[in-house]
């Protein structure tokens, strides 16, 4: 493989990944980056094999071992679709694992003389995201699908925590990177500090502070002091922009974030999933499926009954659950060897370390995590000649990856058109093109329901119901499918009779929140005790209680039972949902729900 191609390709990835935002697809901030994973893996994996003959042999071998173990875990997984592609909107399956190893290999093979290309591309991508975030907090950009998320600007990354991680890592890059001319460096630091402030992420703020400390340790104190002044000015600008746009900022948040405790509880409850599959894990990208049965009442109260963790928000916990103990051991070995080879004082190594530091409490991302490995590889590239074998096979692999990326983007475009127009033909086309994700079944069911009700065609409603059931079969751990099935199979929110066929399954499925309410309304309309039916005021009052009683096993079958501490029948998918149902259906003393 020619050296001239790799530096250009690595720099292109470093620039395109943080800027890729496609407005005409289902998830604008994710679909394009997920499609790129196939190309990153196709180019990088053969290069990683070639690195076995260089001085980067040890990390290359560990990376290939981690990728191979991920493949074994995916093959042993009961859901091969999710294990390979990942969840829709997340994409952290086996393809993501292969892309991580490939990105590190691409960075390692890019060469030492073109390293500044990658630095410039990363810094440019972070600055554009920071500028977009400032605009999002000042003006309404929802016309371009750039709206606030949880009252915080996400930039082009879809989530403010990812914006904060990118901006904080770029602060490290700007501080350590030698730049000619102070005005350019001052402007970069001010804009990036404003983005960190607007992201509302305390982890990103801590990483930026660590970058400033590294400046004091590695550079003259006057220069480091000037950096500190720039960061303070940028934080002030971000705070002012957030106040003007009424958005949440890092220093403007009054109390410590409440998201730490649910994360710790989730990490602790993940030990049950590890105990069930200690060797091979549950498959890459299947953290939610592996741990939703062990979701605790405390997590349901803190995060809400309908919110499940799709990612562990910790890199080691994530891969311990999904790839088993051997998989996380190989990952840890690979990262240690990569970090040992890279020089932490170099700008690119600092960028990669900063992003990985945020992964201790934040989820993986199809943009940030590959960028971190690309930067760590480029921090100390190999200088030995690279002889990548099987050139025809590499061409075929690259063509297949490009075709896969195009297929994913076209399918996501059809899925977005079906969402906008409720067109059945578009929904069917999206289901044919995209992998077997339950989102395609959900959109097809919604389109059929809309067409059936508007045209008064019961046969379309029957087809929609069958697709609802297909969605729950594909991913029984997603509460949205069961909520929609409860709505359709139970007669909708108008309370018509007909929920009895669904009610016996409530105790054994992760049906939470709205689904329990709908099923309760339908059961009440049929003249039976409406155990799940509660007014919003009653639900809010019971959510605020410090102690919640639990329905008995008799209640789960439709017969009144005593209010006691007995538990529901324990099933593979129901343990954590039992805790959530306790949270929603807790009975007052002396009465049953």
Protein backbone atom coordinates (compact mmCIF):
# COMPACT_ATOMS: atom_id res chain seq x y z
CA UNK A 1 0.00 0.00 0.00
CA UNK A 2 1.44 3.39 -0.97
CA UNK A 3 2.36 5.78 1.78
CA UNK A 4 0.94 8.68 -0.17
CA UNK A 5 -2.58 7.30 0.12
CA UNK A 6 -2.60 6.61 3.87
CA UNK A 7 -1.77 10.11 5.17
CA UNK A 8 -4.42 11.61 2.90
CA UNK A 9 -6.99 9.00 3.91
CA UNK A 10 -6.20 9.43 7.63
CA UNK A 11 -6.47 13.22 7.39
CA UNK A 12 -9.73 12.89 5.46
CA UNK A 13 -11.18 10.67 8.18
CA UNK A 14 -10.04 13.08 10.88
CA UNK A 15 -11.88 15.91 9.12
CA UNK A 16 -14.95 14.13 7.77
CA UNK A 17 -15.94 12.10 10.85
CA UNK A 18 -16.59 15.08 13.18
CA UNK A 19 -18.29 17.07 10.40
CA UNK A 20 -20.44 14.38 8.76
CA UNK A 21 -24.06 15.40 9.31
CA UNK A 22 -26.62 14.18 6.78
CA UNK A 23 -29.98 15.90 7.24
CA UNK A 24 -32.07 13.71 4.93
CA UNK A 25 -31.62 10.40 6.78
CA UNK A 26 -33.23 8.93 9.87
CA UNK A 27 -30.55 9.95 12.41
CA UNK A 28 -28.56 12.82 10.85
CA UNK A 29 -25.73 12.79 13.39
CA UNK A 30 -25.23 9.01 13.29
CA UNK A 31 -26.13 7.37 9.97
CA UNK A 32 -23.24 8.77 7.95
CA UNK A 33 -20.65 7.98 10.63
CA UNK A 34 -22.01 4.48 11.08
CA UNK A 35 -21.80 3.92 7.34
CA UNK A 36 -18.14 4.96 7.42
CA UNK A 37 -17.31 2.19 9.90
CA UNK A 38 -17.31 -0.39 7.12
CA UNK A 39 -14.76 1.61 5.13
CA UNK A 40 -12.58 2.18 8.20
CA UNK A 41 -12.51 -1.55 8.91
CA UNK A 42 -11.91 -2.54 5.29
CA UNK A 43 -8.90 -0.24 4.91
CA UNK A 44 -7.46 -0.66 8.39
CA UNK A 45 -7.62 -4.39 9.09
CA UNK A 46 -5.32 -5.49 6.22
CA UNK A 47 -2.98 -2.71 7.29
CA UNK A 48 -3.03 -4.03 10.84
CA UNK A 49 -1.88 -7.41 9.53
CA UNK A 50 0.99 -5.68 7.74
CA UNK A 51 1.97 -3.97 11.01
CA UNK A 52 2.84 -7.39 12.44
CA UNK A 53 6.15 -7.11 10.56
CA UNK A 54 7.03 -3.73 12.08
CA UNK A 55 7.96 -2.35 15.47
CA UNK A 56 4.26 -1.98 16.23
CA UNK A 57 3.92 -5.77 16.29
CA UNK A 58 2.74 -6.06 19.91
CA UNK A 59 -0.22 -3.63 19.77
CA UNK A 60 -1.16 -4.89 16.30
CA UNK A 61 -1.29 -8.46 17.57
CA UNK A 62 -3.33 -7.46 20.62
CA UNK A 63 -5.74 -5.47 18.44
CA UNK A 64 -6.26 -8.36 16.05
CA UNK A 65 -6.80 -10.65 19.02
CA UNK A 66 -9.46 -8.32 20.41
CA UNK A 67 -11.18 -8.12 17.02
CA UNK A 68 -11.06 -11.91 16.64
CA UNK A 69 -12.58 -12.42 20.06
CA UNK A 70 -15.31 -9.95 19.23
CA UNK A 71 -16.07 -12.01 16.13
CA UNK A 72 -16.33 -15.19 18.22
CA UNK A 73 -18.60 -13.43 20.70
CA UNK A 74 -20.83 -12.14 17.90
CA UNK A 75 -21.13 -15.61 16.37
CA UNK A 76 -22.12 -17.05 19.76
CA UNK A 77 -24.69 -14.29 20.37
CA UNK A 78 -28.40 -15.15 20.09
CA UNK A 79 -28.98 -11.93 18.10
CA UNK A 80 -26.47 -11.83 15.25
CA UNK A 81 -27.94 -8.67 13.71
CA UNK A 82 -27.41 -6.50 16.78
CA UNK A 83 -24.11 -8.21 17.58
CA UNK A 84 -22.74 -7.23 14.16
CA UNK A 85 -24.38 -3.88 13.39
CA UNK A 86 -25.20 -2.65 16.89
CA UNK A 87 -28.40 -0.96 17.98
CA UNK A 88 -29.95 1.55 15.61
CA UNK A 89 -28.69 4.97 16.58
CA UNK A 90 -25.68 3.51 18.44
CA UNK A 91 -23.90 1.08 16.10
CA UNK A 92 -21.41 -0.33 18.62
CA UNK A 93 -21.49 -3.93 17.43
CA UNK A 94 -18.76 -6.02 15.85
CA UNK A 95 -18.42 -3.64 12.90
CA UNK A 96 -17.59 -0.89 15.38
CA UNK A 97 -14.95 -3.08 17.05
CA UNK A 98 -13.33 -3.84 13.71
CA UNK A 99 -13.37 -0.14 12.82
CA UNK A 100 -11.58 0.75 16.07
CA UNK A 101 -8.73 -1.62 15.27
CA UNK A 102 -8.71 -0.40 11.68
CA UNK A 103 -8.55 3.27 12.65
CA UNK A 104 -5.57 2.67 14.92
CA UNK A 105 -3.81 0.82 12.08
CA UNK A 106 -4.57 3.65 9.64
CA UNK A 107 -3.08 6.18 12.02
CA UNK A 108 -0.02 4.01 12.67
CA UNK A 109 0.65 3.57 8.97
CA UNK A 110 0.10 7.19 7.97
CA UNK A 111 3.75 8.11 8.40
CA UNK A 112 5.54 10.68 10.50
CA UNK A 113 5.98 13.42 7.93
CA UNK A 114 2.24 14.04 7.43
CA UNK A 115 1.19 13.94 11.09
CA UNK A 116 0.36 17.64 11.10
CA UNK A 117 -2.33 17.00 8.51
CA UNK A 118 -4.21 14.87 11.03
CA UNK A 119 -3.70 17.44 13.80
CA UNK A 120 -5.03 20.24 11.62
CA UNK A 121 -8.02 18.16 10.50
CA UNK A 122 -8.99 17.23 14.07
CA UNK A 123 -8.67 20.79 15.25
CA UNK A 124 -10.72 22.09 12.33
CA UNK A 125 -13.49 19.56 12.96
CA UNK A 126 -13.64 20.47 16.65
CA UNK A 127 -13.72 24.21 15.89
CA UNK A 128 -16.59 23.83 13.43
CA UNK A 129 -18.57 21.83 15.99
CA UNK A 130 -17.83 24.45 18.62
CA UNK A 131 -19.00 27.24 16.33
CA UNK A 132 -22.21 25.37 15.48
CA UNK A 133 -22.85 24.80 19.19
CA UNK A 134 -22.55 28.52 19.90
CA UNK A 135 -25.01 29.25 17.10
CA UNK A 136 -27.42 26.57 18.37
CA UNK A 137 -27.53 28.25 21.76
CA UNK A 138 -28.14 31.71 20.27
CA UNK A 139 -30.55 31.06 17.38
CA UNK A 140 -33.05 28.40 16.44
CA UNK A 141 -31.50 25.97 13.92
CA UNK A 142 -34.17 23.27 14.19
CA UNK A 143 -34.97 23.77 10.49
CA UNK A 144 -31.61 22.14 9.78
CA UNK A 145 -32.13 19.37 12.38
CA UNK A 146 -29.74 21.20 14.73
CA UNK A 147 -31.98 21.59 17.75
CA UNK A 148 -31.05 21.55 21.43
CA UNK A 149 -30.92 18.22 23.21
CA UNK A 150 -31.92 18.36 26.89
CA UNK A 151 -31.53 22.15 26.77
CA UNK A 152 -27.90 21.86 25.61
CA UNK A 153 -26.38 22.33 22.14
CA UNK A 154 -24.98 19.13 20.58
CA UNK A 155 -23.08 20.69 17.69
CA UNK A 156 -23.00 18.23 14.79
CA UNK A 157 -22.63 15.18 17.06
CA UNK A 158 -26.22 14.67 18.23
CA UNK A 159 -25.38 14.78 21.95
CA UNK A 160 -23.89 17.52 24.08
CA UNK A 161 -21.63 15.13 26.00
CA UNK A 162 -19.95 14.15 22.73
CA UNK A 163 -19.53 17.83 21.89
CA UNK A 164 -17.90 18.42 25.26
CA UNK A 165 -15.55 15.47 24.85
CA UNK A 166 -14.45 16.59 21.37
CA UNK A 167 -13.95 20.19 22.45
CA UNK A 168 -12.00 19.23 25.59
CA UNK A 169 -9.76 16.86 23.63
CA UNK A 170 -9.17 19.61 21.07
CA UNK A 171 -8.18 21.96 23.92
CA UNK A 172 -5.43 19.48 24.76
CA UNK A 173 -4.48 19.38 21.08
CA UNK A 174 -4.37 23.18 20.81
CA UNK A 175 -2.36 23.56 24.01
CA UNK A 176 0.32 21.03 23.14
CA UNK A 177 0.50 21.63 19.40
CA UNK A 178 3.10 24.16 18.29
CA UNK A 179 1.30 26.89 16.37
CA UNK A 180 2.83 29.89 14.67
CA UNK A 181 1.23 33.09 15.81
CA UNK A 182 -0.58 33.69 19.07
CA UNK A 183 -3.84 35.11 17.63
CA UNK A 184 -4.78 31.79 16.02
CA UNK A 185 -4.09 29.80 19.17
CA UNK A 186 -5.96 32.28 21.39
CA UNK A 187 -9.00 32.19 19.10
CA UNK A 188 -8.98 28.38 19.08
CA UNK A 189 -8.79 28.10 22.86
CA UNK A 190 -11.54 30.67 23.44
CA UNK A 191 -13.98 29.02 21.03
CA UNK A 192 -13.24 25.52 22.34
CA UNK A 193 -13.60 26.61 25.97
CA UNK A 194 -16.97 28.17 25.11
CA UNK A 195 -18.08 24.86 23.61
CA UNK A 196 -16.99 22.95 26.72
CA UNK A 197 -19.01 25.35 28.84
CA UNK A 198 -22.08 25.09 26.62
CA UNK A 199 -21.95 21.29 26.56
CA UNK A 200 -22.82 21.15 30.25
CA UNK A 201 -20.48 18.20 30.71
CA UNK A 202 -18.45 18.27 33.90
CA UNK A 203 -16.30 15.43 32.61
CA UNK A 204 -15.30 17.54 29.61
CA UNK A 205 -14.58 20.45 31.92
CA UNK A 206 -12.29 18.21 34.00
CA UNK A 207 -10.48 17.02 30.87
CA UNK A 208 -9.93 20.63 29.76
CA UNK A 209 -8.56 21.43 33.21
CA UNK A 210 -6.21 18.45 32.91
CA UNK A 211 -5.00 19.82 29.59
CA UNK A 212 -4.23 23.11 31.29
CA UNK A 213 -2.31 21.27 34.01
CA UNK A 214 -0.32 19.45 31.33
CA UNK A 215 0.56 22.84 29.85
CA UNK A 216 1.94 23.97 33.21
CA UNK A 217 4.01 20.79 33.42
CA UNK A 218 5.41 20.86 29.90
CA UNK A 219 5.66 24.55 28.96
CA UNK A 220 6.79 27.85 30.45
CA UNK A 221 4.55 29.13 33.20
CA UNK A 222 3.82 32.40 31.42
CA UNK A 223 2.58 30.59 28.35
CA UNK A 224 0.51 28.23 30.48
CA UNK A 225 -0.92 31.21 32.34
CA UNK A 226 -1.93 32.77 29.04
CA UNK A 227 -3.70 29.53 28.15
CA UNK A 228 -5.55 29.67 31.46
CA UNK A 229 -6.72 33.21 30.73
CA UNK A 230 -7.99 32.12 27.30
CA UNK A 231 -9.94 29.25 28.84
CA UNK A 232 -11.50 31.52 31.45
CA UNK A 233 -12.53 34.03 28.78
CA UNK A 234 -13.99 31.23 26.63
CA UNK A 235 -15.92 29.82 29.58
CA UNK A 236 -17.33 33.28 30.26
CA UNK A 237 -18.44 33.63 26.66
CA UNK A 238 -20.07 30.21 26.80
CA UNK A 239 -21.83 31.07 30.05
CA UNK A 240 -23.13 34.32 28.57
CA UNK A 241 -24.32 32.55 25.41
CA UNK A 242 -26.06 29.93 27.49
CA UNK A 243 -27.76 32.60 29.61
CA UNK A 244 -28.93 34.42 26.49
CA UNK A 245 -30.25 31.25 24.88
CA UNK A 246 -31.60 29.83 28.16
CA UNK A 247 -29.51 26.67 27.86
CA UNK A 248 -27.83 24.60 30.53
CA UNK A 249 -24.10 25.21 30.95
CA UNK A 250 -21.36 23.48 32.94
CA UNK A 251 -20.75 26.12 35.61
CA UNK A 252 -24.35 27.30 35.52
CA UNK A 253 -25.68 23.99 36.80
CA UNK A 254 -26.68 24.39 40.41
CA UNK A 255 -26.31 20.85 41.73
CA UNK A 256 -24.07 17.93 40.99
CA UNK A 257 -25.42 15.90 38.11
CA UNK A 258 -27.74 13.10 39.16
CA UNK A 259 -26.49 10.80 36.42
CA UNK A 260 -23.55 9.41 38.39
CA UNK A 261 -25.56 7.24 40.77
CA UNK A 262 -27.60 5.48 38.04
CA UNK A 263 -24.36 4.72 36.20
CA UNK A 264 -22.79 3.18 39.29
CA UNK A 265 -25.93 1.15 40.01
CA UNK A 266 -25.95 -0.05 36.40
CA UNK A 267 -22.28 -1.06 36.61
CA UNK A 268 -22.94 -3.00 39.81
CA UNK A 269 -26.02 -4.76 38.44
CA UNK A 270 -24.07 -5.69 35.28
CA UNK A 271 -22.28 -8.37 37.32
CA UNK A 272 -25.32 -10.61 36.87
CA UNK A 273 -25.00 -10.43 33.09
CA UNK A 274 -21.28 -11.21 33.38
CA UNK A 275 -22.04 -14.18 35.60
CA UNK A 276 -24.48 -15.55 33.02
CA UNK A 277 -21.98 -15.27 30.13
CA UNK A 278 -18.49 -14.88 31.61
CA UNK A 279 -16.47 -16.21 28.65
CA UNK A 280 -18.10 -15.10 25.42
CA UNK A 281 -20.32 -12.35 26.75
CA UNK A 282 -23.68 -11.44 25.28
CA UNK A 283 -22.32 -10.17 21.97
CA UNK A 284 -20.95 -6.74 20.96
CA UNK A 285 -23.51 -3.97 21.12
CA UNK A 286 -25.96 -5.97 23.26
CA UNK A 287 -25.48 -4.31 26.63
CA UNK A 288 -29.14 -3.35 26.90
CA UNK A 289 -30.32 -6.85 26.09
CA UNK A 290 -27.89 -8.33 28.61
CA UNK A 291 -28.63 -6.00 31.52
CA UNK A 292 -32.25 -4.83 31.18
CA UNK A 293 -33.43 -7.85 33.19
CA UNK A 294 -31.32 -6.64 36.14
CA UNK A 295 -32.39 -3.00 36.10
CA UNK A 296 -32.96 -1.82 39.64
CA UNK A 297 -35.71 0.29 41.14
CA UNK A 298 -33.23 3.05 41.97
CA UNK A 299 -32.21 3.35 38.30
CA UNK A 300 -35.87 3.41 37.20
CA UNK A 301 -36.62 6.20 39.66
CA UNK A 302 -33.57 8.25 38.66
CA UNK A 303 -33.70 7.80 34.88
CA UNK A 304 -37.42 7.27 34.31
CA UNK A 305 -39.34 4.07 33.68
CA UNK A 306 -39.00 4.10 29.89
CA UNK A 307 -35.25 4.79 29.67
CA UNK A 308 -32.81 1.88 29.44
CA UNK A 309 -29.04 2.04 29.13
CA UNK A 310 -27.99 1.03 25.62
CA UNK A 311 -24.33 1.53 26.60
CA UNK A 312 -22.62 0.95 29.92
CA UNK A 313 -21.13 4.47 29.95
CA UNK A 314 -17.84 2.80 30.83
CA UNK A 315 -15.57 1.15 28.28
CA UNK A 316 -14.42 -1.73 30.48
CA UNK A 317 -17.87 -2.55 31.86
CA UNK A 318 -19.32 -2.43 28.35
CA UNK A 319 -16.93 -5.00 26.93
CA UNK A 320 -16.93 -7.16 30.04
CA UNK A 321 -20.67 -7.65 29.54
CA UNK A 322 -20.65 -7.90 25.75
CA UNK A 323 -17.43 -9.82 25.02
CA UNK A 324 -16.79 -11.56 28.33
CA UNK A 325 -13.77 -11.50 30.61
CA UNK A 326 -11.32 -12.62 27.87
CA UNK A 327 -12.62 -9.90 25.55
CA UNK A 328 -12.15 -7.08 28.06
CA UNK A 329 -8.72 -8.47 28.98
CA UNK A 330 -7.68 -8.30 25.33
CA UNK A 331 -9.10 -4.79 25.06
CA UNK A 332 -7.21 -3.64 28.15
CA UNK A 333 -3.98 -5.21 26.88
CA UNK A 334 -4.40 -3.55 23.50
CA UNK A 335 -5.08 -0.12 25.00
CA UNK A 336 -2.12 -0.40 27.38
CA UNK A 337 0.20 -1.29 24.51
CA UNK A 338 -1.20 1.50 22.35
CA UNK A 339 -0.83 4.07 25.11
CA UNK A 340 2.65 2.84 25.94
CA UNK A 341 3.72 3.20 22.33
CA UNK A 342 2.23 6.66 21.88
CA UNK A 343 3.94 9.59 23.53
CA UNK A 344 1.48 11.24 25.89
CA UNK A 345 3.13 14.65 25.51
CA UNK A 346 2.47 14.68 21.80
CA UNK A 347 -0.68 16.56 20.71
CA UNK A 348 -2.32 13.56 19.02
CA UNK A 349 -1.68 11.26 21.97
CA UNK A 350 -3.16 13.88 24.29
CA UNK A 351 -6.24 14.08 22.08
CA UNK A 352 -6.74 10.31 22.14
CA UNK A 353 -6.15 10.01 25.88
CA UNK A 354 -8.61 12.84 26.56
CA UNK A 355 -11.38 11.15 24.56
CA UNK A 356 -10.76 7.77 26.20
CA UNK A 357 -10.84 9.45 29.61
CA UNK A 358 -14.39 10.65 28.93
CA UNK A 359 -15.36 7.06 28.09
CA UNK A 360 -14.93 6.19 31.75
CA UNK A 361 -18.36 7.73 32.44
CA UNK A 362 -19.72 8.47 28.96
CA UNK A 363 -20.85 6.12 26.18
CA UNK A 364 -18.95 5.14 23.07
CA UNK A 365 -19.65 7.00 19.90
CA UNK A 366 -19.30 6.20 16.21
CA UNK A 367 -17.39 9.46 15.76
CA UNK A 368 -15.30 10.03 18.88
CA UNK A 369 -14.02 6.54 19.67
CA UNK A 370 -12.59 5.85 16.18
CA UNK A 371 -11.05 9.33 16.18
CA UNK A 372 -9.34 8.61 19.51
CA UNK A 373 -7.75 5.42 18.16
CA UNK A 374 -6.79 7.15 14.91
CA UNK A 375 -5.02 9.88 16.88
CA UNK A 376 -3.26 7.41 19.17
CA UNK A 377 -1.97 5.49 16.16
CA UNK A 378 -0.79 8.63 14.39
CA UNK A 379 0.93 9.89 17.56
CA UNK A 380 3.79 7.50 16.85
CA UNK A 381 3.47 6.03 13.36
CA UNK A 382 5.74 3.30 12.10
CA UNK A 383 8.61 4.18 9.83
CA UNK A 384 9.23 0.67 8.51
CA UNK A 385 8.15 -0.19 4.95
CA UNK A 386 4.62 -1.55 4.82
CA UNK A 387 3.87 -4.57 2.65
CA UNK A 388 0.16 -5.19 2.72
CA UNK A 389 -0.64 -8.59 1.17
CA UNK A 390 -3.49 -9.63 -1.11
CA UNK A 391 -4.03 -6.49 -3.14
CA UNK A 392 -6.98 -7.94 -5.16
CA UNK A 393 -8.70 -9.03 -1.95
CA UNK A 394 -8.24 -5.56 -0.51
CA UNK A 395 -9.87 -4.04 -3.56
CA UNK A 396 -12.85 -6.36 -3.25
CA UNK A 397 -13.09 -5.62 0.47
CA UNK A 398 -12.97 -1.88 -0.14
CA UNK A 399 -15.63 -2.07 -2.83
CA UNK A 400 -17.87 -4.14 -0.57
CA UNK A 401 -17.41 -1.63 2.25
CA UNK A 402 -18.29 1.29 -0.03
CA UNK A 403 -21.38 -0.55 -1.27
CA UNK A 404 -22.41 -1.32 2.31
CA UNK A 405 -22.04 2.33 3.30
CA UNK A 406 -24.14 3.43 0.33
CA UNK A 407 -26.79 0.83 1.13
CA UNK A 408 -27.05 1.98 4.74
CA UNK A 409 -27.42 5.61 3.72
CA UNK A 410 -30.04 4.89 1.04
CA UNK A 411 -32.01 2.70 3.45
CA UNK A 412 -31.88 5.41 6.11
CA UNK A 413 -33.14 7.93 3.57
CA UNK A 414 -36.15 5.73 2.81
CA UNK A 415 -36.76 5.28 6.53
CA UNK A 416 -36.78 9.04 7.05
CA UNK A 417 -39.20 9.53 4.14
CA UNK A 418 -41.50 6.92 5.66
CA UNK A 419 -41.34 8.75 8.99
CA UNK A 420 -42.21 12.09 7.37
CA UNK A 421 -45.01 10.92 5.04
CA UNK A 422 -46.18 7.61 6.62
CA UNK A 423 -45.72 6.00 3.22
CA UNK A 424 -46.00 2.22 3.25
CA UNK A 425 -43.88 1.76 0.12
CA UNK A 426 -41.03 3.81 1.58
CA UNK A 427 -41.20 1.86 4.83
CA UNK A 428 -41.08 -1.47 2.99
CA UNK A 429 -38.12 -0.28 0.92
CA UNK A 430 -36.28 0.78 4.09
CA UNK A 431 -36.89 -2.64 5.60
CA UNK A 432 -35.49 -4.34 2.50
CA UNK A 433 -32.34 -2.22 2.41
CA UNK A 434 -31.46 -1.89 6.08
CA UNK A 435 -30.35 -4.72 8.36
CA UNK A 436 -32.90 -6.51 10.48
CA UNK A 437 -33.32 -3.63 12.93
CA UNK A 438 -36.66 -3.44 14.77
CA UNK A 439 -36.92 0.25 13.85
CA UNK A 440 -37.86 -0.71 10.30
CA UNK A 441 -40.67 -2.92 11.59
CA UNK A 442 -41.83 -0.09 13.87
CA UNK A 443 -41.94 2.44 11.06
CA UNK A 444 -43.75 0.02 8.74
CA UNK A 445 -46.33 -0.65 11.47
CA UNK A 446 -46.84 3.08 12.01
CA UNK A 447 -47.32 3.67 8.29
CA UNK A 448 -49.81 0.79 8.02
CA UNK A 449 -51.69 2.01 11.09
CA UNK A 450 -51.97 5.52 9.66
CA UNK A 451 -53.11 4.30 6.26
CA UNK A 452 -55.52 1.78 7.79
CA UNK A 453 -57.20 4.34 10.03
CA UNK A 454 -57.33 7.11 7.43
CA UNK A 455 -58.69 4.81 4.71
CA UNK A 456 -60.78 2.69 7.13
CA UNK A 457 -59.18 -0.56 5.98
CA UNK A 458 -59.05 -3.14 8.79
CA UNK A 459 -56.73 -5.42 6.83
CA UNK A 460 -53.99 -2.78 7.01
CA UNK A 461 -54.49 -2.53 10.76
CA UNK A 462 -54.11 -6.29 11.02
CA UNK A 463 -50.84 -6.11 9.06
CA UNK A 464 -49.64 -3.33 11.35
CA UNK A 465 -50.35 -5.49 14.38
CA UNK A 466 -48.32 -8.35 12.89
CA UNK A 467 -45.37 -6.00 12.35
CA UNK A 468 -45.69 -4.80 15.95
CA UNK A 469 -45.34 -8.38 17.09
CA UNK A 470 -42.40 -8.91 14.74
CA UNK A 471 -40.70 -5.88 16.30
CA UNK A 472 -41.04 -7.29 19.81
CA UNK A 473 -39.68 -10.64 18.64
CA UNK A 474 -36.59 -9.00 17.16
CA UNK A 475 -35.78 -7.03 20.29
CA UNK A 476 -37.75 -8.08 23.38
CA UNK A 477 -35.69 -5.71 25.55
CA UNK A 478 -36.86 -2.50 23.87
CA UNK A 479 -39.87 -1.12 25.81
CA UNK A 480 -41.02 0.99 22.87
CA UNK A 481 -42.13 -2.07 20.92
CA UNK A 482 -44.15 -3.44 23.82
CA UNK A 483 -45.69 -0.02 24.50
CA UNK A 484 -46.85 0.24 20.89
CA UNK A 485 -48.10 -3.34 20.90
CA UNK A 486 -50.10 -2.63 24.05
CA UNK A 487 -51.61 0.37 22.32
CA UNK A 488 -52.56 -1.50 19.14
CA UNK A 489 -53.49 -4.87 20.60
CA UNK A 490 -55.37 -3.25 23.47
CA UNK A 491 -57.48 -1.00 21.32
CA UNK A 492 -55.45 2.22 21.59
CA UNK A 493 -55.78 5.04 24.04
CA UNK A 494 -59.54 5.38 23.61
CA UNK A 495 -60.02 2.58 26.14
CA UNK A 496 -61.94 0.09 24.00
CA UNK A 497 -62.09 -3.48 25.31
CA UNK A 498 -59.64 -6.02 24.02
CA UNK A 499 -56.58 -5.81 26.23
CA UNK A 500 -57.11 -9.20 27.88
CA UNK A 501 -54.95 -11.11 25.30
CA UNK A 502 -52.04 -8.84 26.19
CA UNK A 503 -52.42 -8.61 29.94
CA UNK A 504 -51.09 -12.10 30.82
CA UNK A 505 -47.80 -11.10 29.16
CA UNK A 506 -47.36 -7.88 31.14
CA UNK A 507 -45.57 -9.58 34.02
CA UNK A 508 -43.02 -11.26 31.78
CA UNK A 509 -42.04 -8.50 29.37
CA UNK A 510 -40.15 -5.23 29.77
CA UNK A 511 -43.35 -3.23 29.33
CA UNK A 512 -42.89 0.00 31.22
CA UNK A 513 -44.40 3.42 31.56
CA UNK A 514 -46.92 4.24 28.87
CA UNK A 515 -47.63 0.63 27.95
CA UNK A 516 -48.79 -0.26 31.45
CA UNK A 517 -51.02 2.82 31.48
CA UNK A 518 -52.62 1.92 28.13
CA UNK A 519 -53.18 -1.69 29.08
CA UNK A 520 -54.77 -0.58 32.36
CA UNK A 521 -57.16 1.75 30.58
CA UNK A 522 -58.21 -0.99 28.16
CA UNK A 523 -58.73 -3.50 30.96
CA UNK A 524 -60.82 -0.99 32.88
CA UNK A 525 -62.99 -0.45 29.79
CA UNK A 526 -63.60 -4.18 29.57
CA UNK A 527 -65.07 -4.25 33.09
CA UNK A 528 -62.08 -5.93 34.75
CA UNK A 529 -59.94 -4.48 37.55
CA UNK A 530 -57.72 -1.83 35.95
CA UNK A 531 -54.53 -2.61 37.79
CA UNK A 532 -52.34 -0.60 35.45
CA UNK A 533 -54.71 2.37 35.09
CA UNK A 534 -53.65 5.34 37.17
CA UNK A 535 -54.08 9.03 36.67
CA UNK A 536 -50.96 11.07 36.00
CA UNK A 537 -51.31 12.62 39.45
CA UNK A 538 -51.42 9.19 41.09
CA UNK A 539 -48.35 8.04 39.16
CA UNK A 540 -46.45 11.19 40.11
CA UNK A 541 -47.39 10.80 43.76
CA UNK A 542 -46.28 7.19 43.86
CA UNK A 543 -43.03 7.97 42.09
CA UNK A 544 -42.15 10.36 44.89
CA UNK A 545 -42.61 7.77 47.64
CA UNK A 546 -39.54 6.51 49.38
CA UNK A 547 -40.97 2.99 49.78
CA UNK A 548 -42.98 1.16 47.13
CA UNK A 549 -44.90 -2.04 47.71
CA UNK A 550 -44.82 -4.83 45.17
CA UNK A 551 -47.79 -6.67 43.63
CA UNK A 552 -48.08 -10.32 44.42
CA UNK A 553 -47.86 -13.20 41.99
CA UNK A 554 -51.62 -13.56 42.07
CA UNK A 555 -52.10 -10.07 40.81
CA UNK A 556 -49.90 -10.75 37.79
CA UNK A 557 -52.31 -13.44 36.67
CA UNK A 558 -55.42 -11.29 36.89
CA UNK A 559 -56.66 -12.26 40.40
CA UNK A 560 -56.42 -9.90 43.37
CA UNK A 561 -53.67 -10.82 45.79
CA UNK A 562 -52.55 -9.50 49.15
CA UNK A 563 -50.28 -6.51 49.27
CA UNK A 564 -47.12 -8.18 50.51
CA UNK A 565 -43.43 -8.50 49.75
CA UNK A 566 -43.80 -11.49 47.49
CA UNK A 567 -42.18 -11.25 44.07
CA UNK A 568 -43.37 -11.83 40.56
CA UNK A 569 -42.28 -14.97 38.71
CA UNK A 570 -38.65 -14.61 37.73
CA UNK A 571 -38.09 -14.93 33.98
CA UNK A 572 -35.09 -14.17 31.75
CA UNK A 573 -36.46 -10.79 30.62
CA UNK A 574 -38.50 -9.77 33.62
CA UNK A 575 -36.33 -9.31 36.67
CA UNK A 576 -35.50 -5.66 36.13
CA UNK A 577 -38.97 -4.92 34.71
CA UNK A 578 -40.40 -6.22 37.96
CA UNK A 579 -38.54 -3.43 39.75
CA UNK A 580 -39.86 -0.90 37.25
CA UNK A 581 -43.40 -2.18 37.65
CA UNK A 582 -43.06 -1.89 41.42
CA UNK A 583 -42.08 1.69 40.82
CA UNK A 584 -45.17 2.33 38.67
CA UNK A 585 -47.80 0.11 40.27
CA UNK A 586 -47.03 0.34 43.98
CA UNK A 587 -50.26 0.02 45.95
CA UNK A 588 -51.23 2.11 48.92
CA UNK A 589 -51.67 0.29 52.26
CA UNK A 590 -54.87 -1.67 52.45
CA UNK A 591 -55.62 -1.79 48.72
CA UNK A 592 -54.47 -3.65 45.64
CA UNK A 593 -53.75 -2.42 42.14
